Amino acid sequence: MDQADADAELKRELVVGVIGFQGRPSGLLRLARLAKVAALQRESLRVRDVAIPWARCTTCAPDDELETVLEKLSPASGMPIVVTDGQQLLIFP
């Protein structure tokens, strides 16, 4: 995959962490999913309604070995893999 393909794929898969009222991660929002919400539904839905629930995310620490992280994947947890430090989302530039 060349850089242009990688950049295009990244743009399609942009996600945003959703933080709940208690200040802890509550899910992930795929921007592509958000864009698909019909205009009429936007007035009644909340972000959490279209987000991937935290319980379905696979989490890991920055120093976890890749093999260990991949072993955590299951249909119930699925993708994406979220890097955390305890209950804090880590954002890497």
PDB file of N, CA and C in Angstrom:
ATOM      1  N   MET A   1       0.851  -1.172   0.000  1.00  0.00           N
ATOM      2  CA  MET A   1       0.000   0.000   0.000  1.00  0.00           C
ATOM      3  C   MET A   1       0.897   1.236   0.000  1.00  0.00           C
ATOM      4  N   ASP A   2       0.660   2.129  -0.949  1.00  0.00           N
ATOM      5  CA  ASP A   2       1.476   3.344  -0.985  1.00  0.00           C
ATOM      6  C   ASP A   2       0.890   4.398  -0.045  1.00  0.00           C
ATOM      7  N   GLN A   3       1.584   5.500   0.111  1.00  0.00           N
ATOM      8  CA  GLN A   3       1.181   6.535   1.074  1.00  0.00           C
ATOM      9  C   GLN A   3      -0.182   7.130   0.737  1.00  0.00           C
ATOM     10  N   ALA A   4      -0.471   7.332  -0.539  1.00  0.00           N
ATOM     11  CA  ALA A   4      -1.767   7.901  -0.927  1.00  0.00           C
ATOM     12  C   ALA A   4      -2.905   6.977  -0.527  1.00  0.00           C
ATOM     13  N   ASP A   5      -2.723   5.659  -0.721  1.00  0.00           N
ATOM     14  CA  ASP A   5      -3.746   4.692  -0.304  1.00  0.00           C
ATOM     15  C   ASP A   5      -3.909   4.686   1.208  1.00  0.00           C
ATOM     16  N   ALA A   6      -2.803   4.756   1.920  1.00  0.00           N
ATOM     17  CA  ALA A   6      -2.848   4.784   3.386  1.00  0.00           C
ATOM     18  C   ALA A   6      -3.569   6.030   3.880  1.00  0.00           C
ATOM     19  N   ASP A   7      -3.286   7.175   3.263  1.00  0.00           N
ATOM     20  CA  ASP A   7      -3.952   8.425   3.652  1.00  0.00           C
ATOM     21  C   ASP A   7      -5.452   8.359   3.376  1.00  0.00           C
ATOM     22  N   ALA A   8      -5.832   7.804   2.230  1.00  0.00           N
ATOM     23  CA  ALA A   8      -7.249   7.684   1.885  1.00  0.00           C
ATOM     24  C   ALA A   8      -7.959   6.761   2.862  1.00  0.00           C
ATOM     25  N   GLU A   9      -7.311   5.657   3.227  1.00  0.00           N
ATOM     26  CA  GLU A   9      -7.905   4.726   4.187  1.00  0.00           C
ATOM     27  C   GLU A   9      -8.075   5.388   5.548  1.00  0.00           C
ATOM     28  N   LEU A  10      -7.090   6.139   5.986  1.00  0.00           N
ATOM     29  CA  LEU A  10      -7.166   6.828   7.266  1.00  0.00           C
ATOM     30  C   LEU A  10      -8.328   7.801   7.290  1.00  0.00           C
ATOM     31  N   LYS A  11      -8.539   8.533   6.216  1.00  0.00           N
ATOM     32  CA  LYS A  11      -9.639   9.500   6.155  1.00  0.00           C
ATOM     33  C   LYS A  11     -10.983   8.811   6.280  1.00  0.00           C
ATOM     34  N   ARG A  12     -11.107   7.613   5.757  1.00  0.00           N
ATOM     35  CA  ARG A  12     -12.367   6.868   5.855  1.00  0.00           C
ATOM     36  C   ARG A  12     -12.587   6.322   7.256  1.00  0.00           C
ATOM     37  N   GLU A  13     -11.541   6.139   8.018  1.00  0.00           N
ATOM     38  CA  GLU A  13     -11.642   5.481   9.309  1.00  0.00           C
ATOM     39  C   GLU A  13     -11.406   6.414  10.494  1.00  0.00           C
ATOM     40  N   LEU A  14     -11.610   7.692  10.311  1.00  0.00           N
ATOM     41  CA  LEU A  14     -11.418   8.613  11.429  1.00  0.00           C
ATOM     42  C   LEU A  14     -12.418   8.311  12.536  1.00  0.00           C
ATOM     43  N   VAL A  15     -11.913   8.243  13.752  1.00  0.00           N
ATOM     44  CA  VAL A  15     -12.764   8.008  14.914  1.00  0.00           C
ATOM     45  C   VAL A  15     -12.460   9.048  15.983  1.00  0.00           C
ATOM     46  N   VAL A  16     -13.454   9.301  16.807  1.00  0.00           N
ATOM     47  CA  VAL A  16     -13.331  10.266  17.899  1.00  0.00           C
ATOM     48  C   VAL A  16     -13.747   9.562  19.175  1.00  0.00           C
ATOM     49  N   GLY A  17     -12.965   9.732  20.219  1.00  0.00           N
ATOM     50  CA  GLY A  17     -13.329   9.171  21.517  1.00  0.00           C
ATOM     51  C   GLY A  17     -14.511   9.925  22.113  1.00  0.00           C
ATOM     52  N   VAL A  18     -15.436   9.183  22.696  1.00  0.00           N
ATOM     53  CA  VAL A  18     -16.598   9.782  23.361  1.00  0.00           C
ATOM     54  C   VAL A  18     -16.366   9.659  24.862  1.00  0.00           C
ATOM     55  N   ILE A  19     -16.405  10.784  25.535  1.00  0.00           N
ATOM     56  CA  ILE A  19     -16.202  10.822  26.977  1.00  0.00           C
ATOM     57  C   ILE A  19     -17.561  11.051  27.643  1.00  0.00           C
ATOM     58  N   GLY A  20     -17.889  10.201  28.619  1.00  0.00           N
ATOM     59  CA  GLY A  20     -19.170  10.309  29.315  1.00  0.00           C
ATOM     60  C   GLY A  20     -19.182  11.438  30.328  1.00  0.00           C
ATOM     61  N   PHE A  21     -20.325  11.625  30.948  1.00  0.00           N
ATOM     62  CA  PHE A  21     -20.492  12.701  31.927  1.00  0.00           C
ATOM     63  C   PHE A  21     -19.577  12.551  33.133  1.00  0.00           C
ATOM     64  N   GLN A  22     -19.131  11.322  33.418  1.00  0.00           N
ATOM     65  CA  GLN A  22     -18.238  11.087  34.550  1.00  0.00           C
ATOM     66  C   GLN A  22     -16.777  11.323  34.178  1.00  0.00           C
ATOM     67  N   GLY A  23     -16.516  11.692  32.925  1.00  0.00           N
ATOM     68  CA  GLY A  23     -15.158  11.968  32.484  1.00  0.00           C
ATOM     69  C   GLY A  23     -14.387  10.745  32.030  1.00  0.00           C
ATOM     70  N   ARG A  24     -15.053   9.606  31.909  1.00  0.00           N
ATOM     71  CA  ARG A  24     -14.409   8.374  31.463  1.00  0.00           C
ATOM     72  C   ARG A  24     -14.837   8.059  30.033  1.00  0.00           C
ATOM     73  N   PRO A  25     -13.997   7.336  29.288  1.00  0.00           N
ATOM     74  CA  PRO A  25     -14.381   6.951  27.926  1.00  0.00           C
ATOM     75  C   PRO A  25     -15.671   6.134  27.942  1.00  0.00           C
ATOM     76  N   SER A  26     -16.578   6.442  27.010  1.00  0.00           N
ATOM     77  CA  SER A  26     -17.819   5.680  26.927  1.00  0.00           C
ATOM     78  C   SER A  26     -18.017   5.056  25.555  1.00  0.00           C
ATOM     79  N   GLY A  27     -17.160   5.399  24.602  1.00  0.00           N
ATOM     80  CA  GLY A  27     -17.281   4.799  23.278  1.00  0.00           C
ATOM     81  C   GLY A  27     -16.406   5.499  22.268  1.00  0.00           C
ATOM     82  N   LEU A  28     -16.555   5.056  21.036  1.00  0.00           N
ATOM     83  CA  LEU A  28     -15.841   5.657  19.916  1.00  0.00           C
ATOM     84  C   LEU A  28     -16.845   5.979  18.819  1.00  0.00           C
ATOM     85  N   LEU A  29     -16.667   7.103  18.205  1.00  0.00           N
ATOM     86  CA  LEU A  29     -17.559   7.532  17.140  1.00  0.00           C
ATOM     87  C   LEU A  29     -16.806   7.511  15.823  1.00  0.00           C
ATOM     88  N   ARG A  30     -17.264   6.699  14.903  1.00  0.00           N
ATOM     89  CA  ARG A  30     -16.700   6.695  13.552  1.00  0.00           C
ATOM     90  C   ARG A  30     -17.354   7.839  12.788  1.00  0.00           C
ATOM     91  N   LEU A  31     -16.543   8.723  12.258  1.00  0.00           N
ATOM     92  CA  LEU A  31     -17.082   9.883  11.557  1.00  0.00           C
ATOM     93  C   LEU A  31     -17.876   9.477  10.321  1.00  0.00           C
ATOM     94  N   ALA A  32     -17.489   8.374   9.687  1.00  0.00           N
ATOM     95  CA  ALA A  32     -18.255   7.889   8.538  1.00  0.00           C
ATOM     96  C   ALA A  32     -19.668   7.506   8.965  1.00  0.00           C
ATOM     97  N   ARG A  33     -19.811   6.909  10.130  1.00  0.00           N
ATOM     98  CA  ARG A  33     -21.138   6.538  10.657  1.00  0.00           C
ATOM     99  C   ARG A  33     -21.945   7.784  10.978  1.00  0.00           C
ATOM    100  N   LEU A  34     -21.305   8.769  11.562  1.00  0.00           N
ATOM    101  CA  LEU A  34     -21.985  10.022  11.887  1.00  0.00           C
ATOM    102  C   LEU A  34     -22.520  10.689  10.624  1.00  0.00           C
ATOM    103  N   ALA A  35     -21.744  10.664   9.569  1.00  0.00           N
ATOM    104  CA  ALA A  35     -22.156  11.294   8.315  1.00  0.00           C
ATOM    105  C   ALA A  35     -23.360  10.598   7.690  1.00  0.00           C
ATOM    106  N   LYS A  36     -23.585   9.335   8.018  1.00  0.00           N
ATOM    107  CA  LYS A  36     -24.692   8.574   7.439  1.00  0.00           C
ATOM    108  C   LYS A  36     -26.018   8.789   8.169  1.00  0.00           C
ATOM    109  N   VAL A  37     -26.002   9.472   9.294  1.00  0.00           N
ATOM    110  CA  VAL A  37     -27.241   9.698  10.038  1.00  0.00           C
ATOM    111  C   VAL A  37     -28.112  10.672   9.242  1.00  0.00           C
ATOM    112  N   ALA A  38     -29.347  10.265   8.994  1.00  0.00           N
ATOM    113  CA  ALA A  38     -30.279  11.098   8.233  1.00  0.00           C
ATOM    114  C   ALA A  38     -30.544  12.416   8.961  1.00  0.00           C
ATOM    115  N   ALA A  39     -30.734  13.460   8.205  1.00  0.00           N
ATOM    116  CA  ALA A  39     -30.932  14.802   8.759  1.00  0.00           C
ATOM    117  C   ALA A  39     -32.062  14.836   9.789  1.00  0.00           C
ATOM    118  N   LEU A  40     -33.164  14.161   9.516  1.00  0.00           N
ATOM    119  CA  LEU A  40     -34.289  14.172  10.454  1.00  0.00           C
ATOM    120  C   LEU A  40     -33.966  13.470  11.766  1.00  0.00           C
ATOM    121  N   GLN A  41     -33.091  12.485  11.727  1.00  0.00           N
ATOM    122  CA  GLN A  41     -32.720  11.759  12.939  1.00  0.00           C
ATOM    123  C   GLN A  41     -31.744  12.551  13.801  1.00  0.00           C
ATOM    124  N   ARG A  42     -31.041  13.484  13.228  1.00  0.00           N
ATOM    125  CA  ARG A  42     -30.021  14.233  13.956  1.00  0.00           C
ATOM    126  C   ARG A  42     -30.603  15.047  15.104  1.00  0.00           C
ATOM    127  N   GLU A  43     -31.874  15.379  15.022  1.00  0.00           N
ATOM    128  CA  GLU A  43     -32.504  16.164  16.083  1.00  0.00           C
ATOM    129  C   GLU A  43     -32.841  15.320  17.302  1.00  0.00           C
ATOM    130  N   SER A  44     -32.970  14.002  17.118  1.00  0.00           N
ATOM    131  CA  SER A  44     -33.397  13.159  18.236  1.00  0.00           C
ATOM    132  C   SER A  44     -32.302  12.226  18.758  1.00  0.00           C
ATOM    133  N   LEU A  45     -31.272  11.977  17.969  1.00  0.00           N
ATOM    134  CA  LEU A  45     -30.209  11.068  18.401  1.00  0.00           C
ATOM    135  C   LEU A  45     -29.133  11.806  19.181  1.00  0.00           C
ATOM    136  N   ARG A  46     -28.522  11.098  20.084  1.00  0.00           N
ATOM    137  CA  ARG A  46     -27.356  11.608  20.802  1.00  0.00           C
ATOM    138  C   ARG A  46     -26.123  10.928  20.224  1.00  0.00           C
ATOM    139  N   VAL A  47     -24.963  11.502  20.477  1.00  0.00           N
ATOM    140  CA  VAL A  47     -23.716  10.932  19.977  1.00  0.00           C
ATOM    141  C   VAL A  47     -23.580   9.488  20.433  1.00  0.00           C
ATOM    142  N   ARG A  48     -23.915   9.203  21.682  1.00  0.00           N
ATOM    143  CA  ARG A  48     -23.770   7.837  22.201  1.00  0.00           C
ATOM    144  C   ARG A  48     -24.647   6.839  21.448  1.00  0.00           C
ATOM    145  N   ASP A  49     -25.720   7.310  20.812  1.00  0.00           N
ATOM    146  CA  ASP A  49     -26.607   6.421  20.072  1.00  0.00           C
ATOM    147  C   ASP A  49     -25.959   5.870  18.801  1.00  0.00           C
ATOM    148  N   VAL A  50     -25.010   6.589  18.249  1.00  0.00           N
ATOM    149  CA  VAL A  50     -24.351   6.130  17.016  1.00  0.00           C
ATOM    150  C   VAL A  50     -22.902   5.716  17.246  1.00  0.00           C
ATOM    151  N   ALA A  51     -22.428   5.847  18.479  1.00  0.00           N
ATOM    152  CA  ALA A  51     -21.047   5.488  18.817  1.00  0.00           C
ATOM    153  C   ALA A  51     -20.929   3.986  19.060  1.00  0.00           C
ATOM    154  N   ILE A  52     -19.715   3.487  18.917  1.00  0.00           N
ATOM    155  CA  ILE A  52     -19.402   2.112  19.295  1.00  0.00           C
ATOM    156  C   ILE A  52     -19.273   2.107  20.816  1.00  0.00           C
ATOM    157  N   PRO A  53     -20.062   1.317  21.535  1.00  0.00           N
ATOM    158  CA  PRO A  53     -19.968   1.306  22.996  1.00  0.00           C
ATOM    159  C   PRO A  53     -18.579   0.870  23.469  1.00  0.00           C
ATOM    160  N   TRP A  54     -18.145   1.439  24.566  1.00  0.00           N
ATOM    161  CA  TRP A  54     -16.825   1.136  25.129  1.00  0.00           C
ATOM    162  C   TRP A  54     -16.651  -0.359  25.363  1.00  0.00           C
ATOM    163  N   ALA A  55     -17.699  -1.033  25.772  1.00  0.00           N
ATOM    164  CA  ALA A  55     -17.620  -2.466  26.051  1.00  0.00           C
ATOM    165  C   ALA A  55     -17.278  -3.274  24.801  1.00  0.00           C
ATOM    166  N   ARG A  56     -17.503  -2.729  23.619  1.00  0.00           N
ATOM    167  CA  ARG A  56     -17.186  -3.433  22.370  1.00  0.00           C
ATOM    168  C   ARG A  56     -15.821  -3.053  21.811  1.00  0.00           C
ATOM    169  N   CYS A  57     -15.101  -2.190  22.496  1.00  0.00           N
ATOM    170  CA  CYS A  57     -13.772  -1.780  22.044  1.00  0.00           C
ATOM    171  C   CYS A  57     -12.711  -2.658  22.691  1.00  0.00           C
ATOM    172  N   THR A  58     -11.669  -2.940  21.944  1.00  0.00           N
ATOM    173  CA  THR A  58     -10.516  -3.640  22.488  1.00  0.00           C
ATOM    174  C   THR A  58      -9.545  -2.582  22.986  1.00  0.00           C
ATOM    175  N   THR A  59      -9.123  -2.685  24.231  1.00  0.00           N
ATOM    176  CA  THR A  59      -8.217  -1.687  24.798  1.00  0.00           C
ATOM    177  C   THR A  59      -6.861  -2.295  25.108  1.00  0.00           C
ATOM    178  N   CYS A  60      -5.858  -1.440  25.109  1.00  0.00           N
ATOM    179  CA  CYS A  60      -4.513  -1.861  25.451  1.00  0.00           C
ATOM    180  C   CYS A  60      -3.742  -0.669  25.985  1.00  0.00           C
ATOM    181  N   ALA A  61      -2.614  -0.952  26.610  1.00  0.00           N
ATOM    182  CA  ALA A  61      -1.706   0.092  27.090  1.00  0.00           C
ATOM    183  C   ALA A  61      -0.639   0.324  26.019  1.00  0.00           C
ATOM    184  N   PRO A  62       0.018   1.478  26.039  1.00  0.00           N
ATOM    185  CA  PRO A  62       1.021   1.779  25.014  1.00  0.00           C
ATOM    186  C   PRO A  62       2.168   0.776  24.968  1.00  0.00           C
ATOM    187  N   ASP A  63       2.487   0.157  26.095  1.00  0.00           N
ATOM    188  CA  ASP A  63       3.624  -0.770  26.113  1.00  0.00           C
ATOM    189  C   ASP A  63       3.211  -2.244  25.986  1.00  0.00           C
ATOM    190  N   ASP A  64       1.934  -2.526  25.728  1.00  0.00           N
ATOM    191  CA  ASP A  64       1.502  -3.910  25.514  1.00  0.00           C
ATOM    192  C   ASP A  64       2.119  -4.456  24.233  1.00  0.00           C
ATOM    193  N   GLU A  65       2.455  -5.724  24.254  1.00  0.00           N
ATOM    194  CA  GLU A  65       2.983  -6.368  23.060  1.00  0.00           C
ATOM    195  C   GLU A  65       1.852  -6.586  22.063  1.00  0.00           C
ATOM    196  N   LEU A  66       2.145  -6.400  20.797  1.00  0.00           N
ATOM    197  CA  LEU A  66       1.139  -6.516  19.743  1.00  0.00           C
ATOM    198  C   LEU A  66       0.450  -7.873  19.770  1.00  0.00           C
ATOM    199  N   GLU A  67       1.194  -8.952  19.977  1.00  0.00           N
ATOM    200  CA  GLU A  67       0.602 -10.281  20.006  1.00  0.00           C
ATOM    201  C   GLU A  67      -0.460 -10.392  21.099  1.00  0.00           C
ATOM    202  N   THR A  68      -0.182  -9.818  22.258  1.00  0.00           N
ATOM    203  CA  THR A  68      -1.134  -9.837  23.373  1.00  0.00           C
ATOM    204  C   THR A  68      -2.406  -9.078  23.005  1.00  0.00           C
ATOM    205  N   VAL A  69      -2.236  -7.933  22.366  1.00  0.00           N
ATOM    206  CA  VAL A  69      -3.391  -7.122  21.968  1.00  0.00           C
ATOM    207  C   VAL A  69      -4.235  -7.871  20.943  1.00  0.00           C
ATOM    208  N   LEU A  70      -3.601  -8.464  19.961  1.00  0.00           N
ATOM    209  CA  LEU A  70      -4.335  -9.186  18.926  1.00  0.00           C
ATOM    210  C   LEU A  70      -5.081 -10.386  19.496  1.00  0.00           C
ATOM    211  N   GLU A  71      -4.551 -10.995  20.547  1.00  0.00           N
ATOM    212  CA  GLU A  71      -5.232 -12.120  21.189  1.00  0.00           C
ATOM    213  C   GLU A  71      -6.522 -11.680  21.879  1.00  0.00           C
ATOM    214  N   LYS A  72      -6.614 -10.406  22.245  1.00  0.00           N
ATOM    215  CA  LYS A  72      -7.820  -9.880  22.902  1.00  0.00           C
ATOM    216  C   LYS A  72      -8.986  -9.702  21.937  1.00  0.00           C
ATOM    217  N   LEU A  73      -8.688  -9.605  20.639  1.00  0.00           N
ATOM    218  CA  LEU A  73      -9.740  -9.360  19.655  1.00  0.00           C
ATOM    219  C   LEU A  73     -10.712 -10.524  19.601  1.00  0.00           C
ATOM    220  N   SER A  74     -11.981 -10.184  19.533  1.00  0.00           N
ATOM    221  CA  SER A  74     -13.030 -11.184  19.380  1.00  0.00           C
ATOM    222  C   SER A  74     -14.202 -10.503  18.674  1.00  0.00           C
ATOM    223  N   PRO A  75     -15.144 -11.287  18.157  1.00  0.00           N
ATOM    224  CA  PRO A  75     -16.297 -10.652  17.522  1.00  0.00           C
ATOM    225  C   PRO A  75     -17.043  -9.713  18.473  1.00  0.00           C
ATOM    226  N   ALA A  76     -17.043 -10.025  19.770  1.00  0.00           N
ATOM    227  CA  ALA A  76     -17.742  -9.173  20.736  1.00  0.00           C
ATOM    228  C   ALA A  76     -17.002  -7.860  20.964  1.00  0.00           C
ATOM    229  N   SER A  77     -15.666  -7.917  21.031  1.00  0.00           N
ATOM    230  CA  SER A  77     -14.906  -6.685  21.259  1.00  0.00           C
ATOM    231  C   SER A  77     -14.617  -5.980  19.954  1.00  0.00           C
ATOM    232  N   GLY A  78     -14.217  -6.737  18.961  1.00  0.00           N
ATOM    233  CA  GLY A  78     -14.011  -6.190  17.626  1.00  0.00           C
ATOM    234  C   GLY A  78     -12.977  -5.092  17.548  1.00  0.00           C
ATOM    235  N   MET A  79     -13.066  -4.339  16.511  1.00  0.00           N
ATOM    236  CA  MET A  79     -12.154  -3.248  16.257  1.00  0.00           C
ATOM    237  C   MET A  79     -12.890  -1.968  16.557  1.00  0.00           C
ATOM    238  N   PRO A  80     -12.304  -0.899  16.761  1.00  0.00           N
ATOM    239  CA  PRO A  80     -10.880  -0.656  16.718  1.00  0.00           C
ATOM    240  C   PRO A  80     -10.203  -0.967  18.054  1.00  0.00           C
ATOM    241  N   ILE A  81      -8.897  -0.917  18.020  1.00  0.00           N
ATOM    242  CA  ILE A  81      -8.101  -1.089  19.231  1.00  0.00           C
ATOM    243  C   ILE A  81      -7.827   0.308  19.777  1.00  0.00           C
ATOM    244  N   VAL A  82      -8.116   0.507  21.056  1.00  0.00           N
ATOM    245  CA  VAL A  82      -7.969   1.819  21.677  1.00  0.00           C
ATOM    246  C   VAL A  82      -6.831   1.770  22.690  1.00  0.00           C
ATOM    247  N   VAL A  83      -5.914   2.721  22.587  1.00  0.00           N
ATOM    248  CA  VAL A  83      -4.788   2.788  23.515  1.00  0.00           C
ATOM    249  C   VAL A  83      -5.195   3.667  24.694  1.00  0.00           C
ATOM    250  N   THR A  84      -5.065   3.093  25.905  1.00  0.00           N
ATOM    251  CA  THR A  84      -5.471   3.805  27.117  1.00  0.00           C
ATOM    252  C   THR A  84      -4.385   3.719  28.179  1.00  0.00           C
ATOM    253  N   ASP A  85      -4.488   4.624  29.111  1.00  0.00           N
ATOM    254  CA  ASP A  85      -3.675   4.577  30.325  1.00  0.00           C
ATOM    255  C   ASP A  85      -4.678   4.592  31.459  1.00  0.00           C
ATOM    256  N   GLY A  86      -5.046   3.410  31.943  1.00  0.00           N
ATOM    257  CA  GLY A  86      -6.134   3.318  32.909  1.00  0.00           C
ATOM    258  C   GLY A  86      -7.436   3.668  32.204  1.00  0.00           C
ATOM    259  N   GLN A  87      -8.126   4.680  32.687  1.00  0.00           N
ATOM    260  CA  GLN A  87      -9.365   5.138  32.078  1.00  0.00           C
ATOM    261  C   GLN A  87      -9.169   6.360  31.184  1.00  0.00           C
ATOM    262  N   GLN A  88      -7.919   6.700  30.882  1.00  0.00           N
ATOM    263  CA  GLN A  88      -7.634   7.864  30.040  1.00  0.00           C
ATOM    264  C   GLN A  88      -7.307   7.416  28.629  1.00  0.00           C
ATOM    265  N   LEU A  89      -7.970   8.016  27.651  1.00  0.00           N
ATOM    266  CA  LEU A  89      -7.628   7.756  26.249  1.00  0.00           C
ATOM    267  C   LEU A  89      -6.309   8.427  25.944  1.00  0.00           C
ATOM    268  N   LEU A  90      -5.461   7.754  25.195  1.00  0.00           N
ATOM    269  CA  LEU A  90      -4.208   8.352  24.774  1.00  0.00           C
ATOM    270  C   LEU A  90      -4.318   8.721  23.312  1.00  0.00           C
ATOM    271  N   ILE A  91      -3.914   9.920  22.988  1.00  0.00           N
ATOM    272  CA  ILE A  91      -3.976  10.413  21.620  1.00  0.00           C
ATOM    273  C   ILE A  91      -2.544  10.572  21.135  1.00  0.00           C
ATOM    274  N   PHE A  92      -2.273   9.953  20.000  1.00  0.00           N
ATOM    275  CA  PHE A  92      -0.930  10.059  19.422  1.00  0.00           C
ATOM    276  C   PHE A  92      -1.011  10.872  18.146  1.00  0.00           C
ATOM    277  N   PRO A  93      -0.114  11.842  17.988  1.00  0.00           N
ATOM    278  CA  PRO A  93      -0.140  12.656  16.766  1.00  0.00           C
ATOM    279  C   PRO A  93       0.261  11.841  15.558  1.00  0.00           C
TER     280      PRO A  93
END
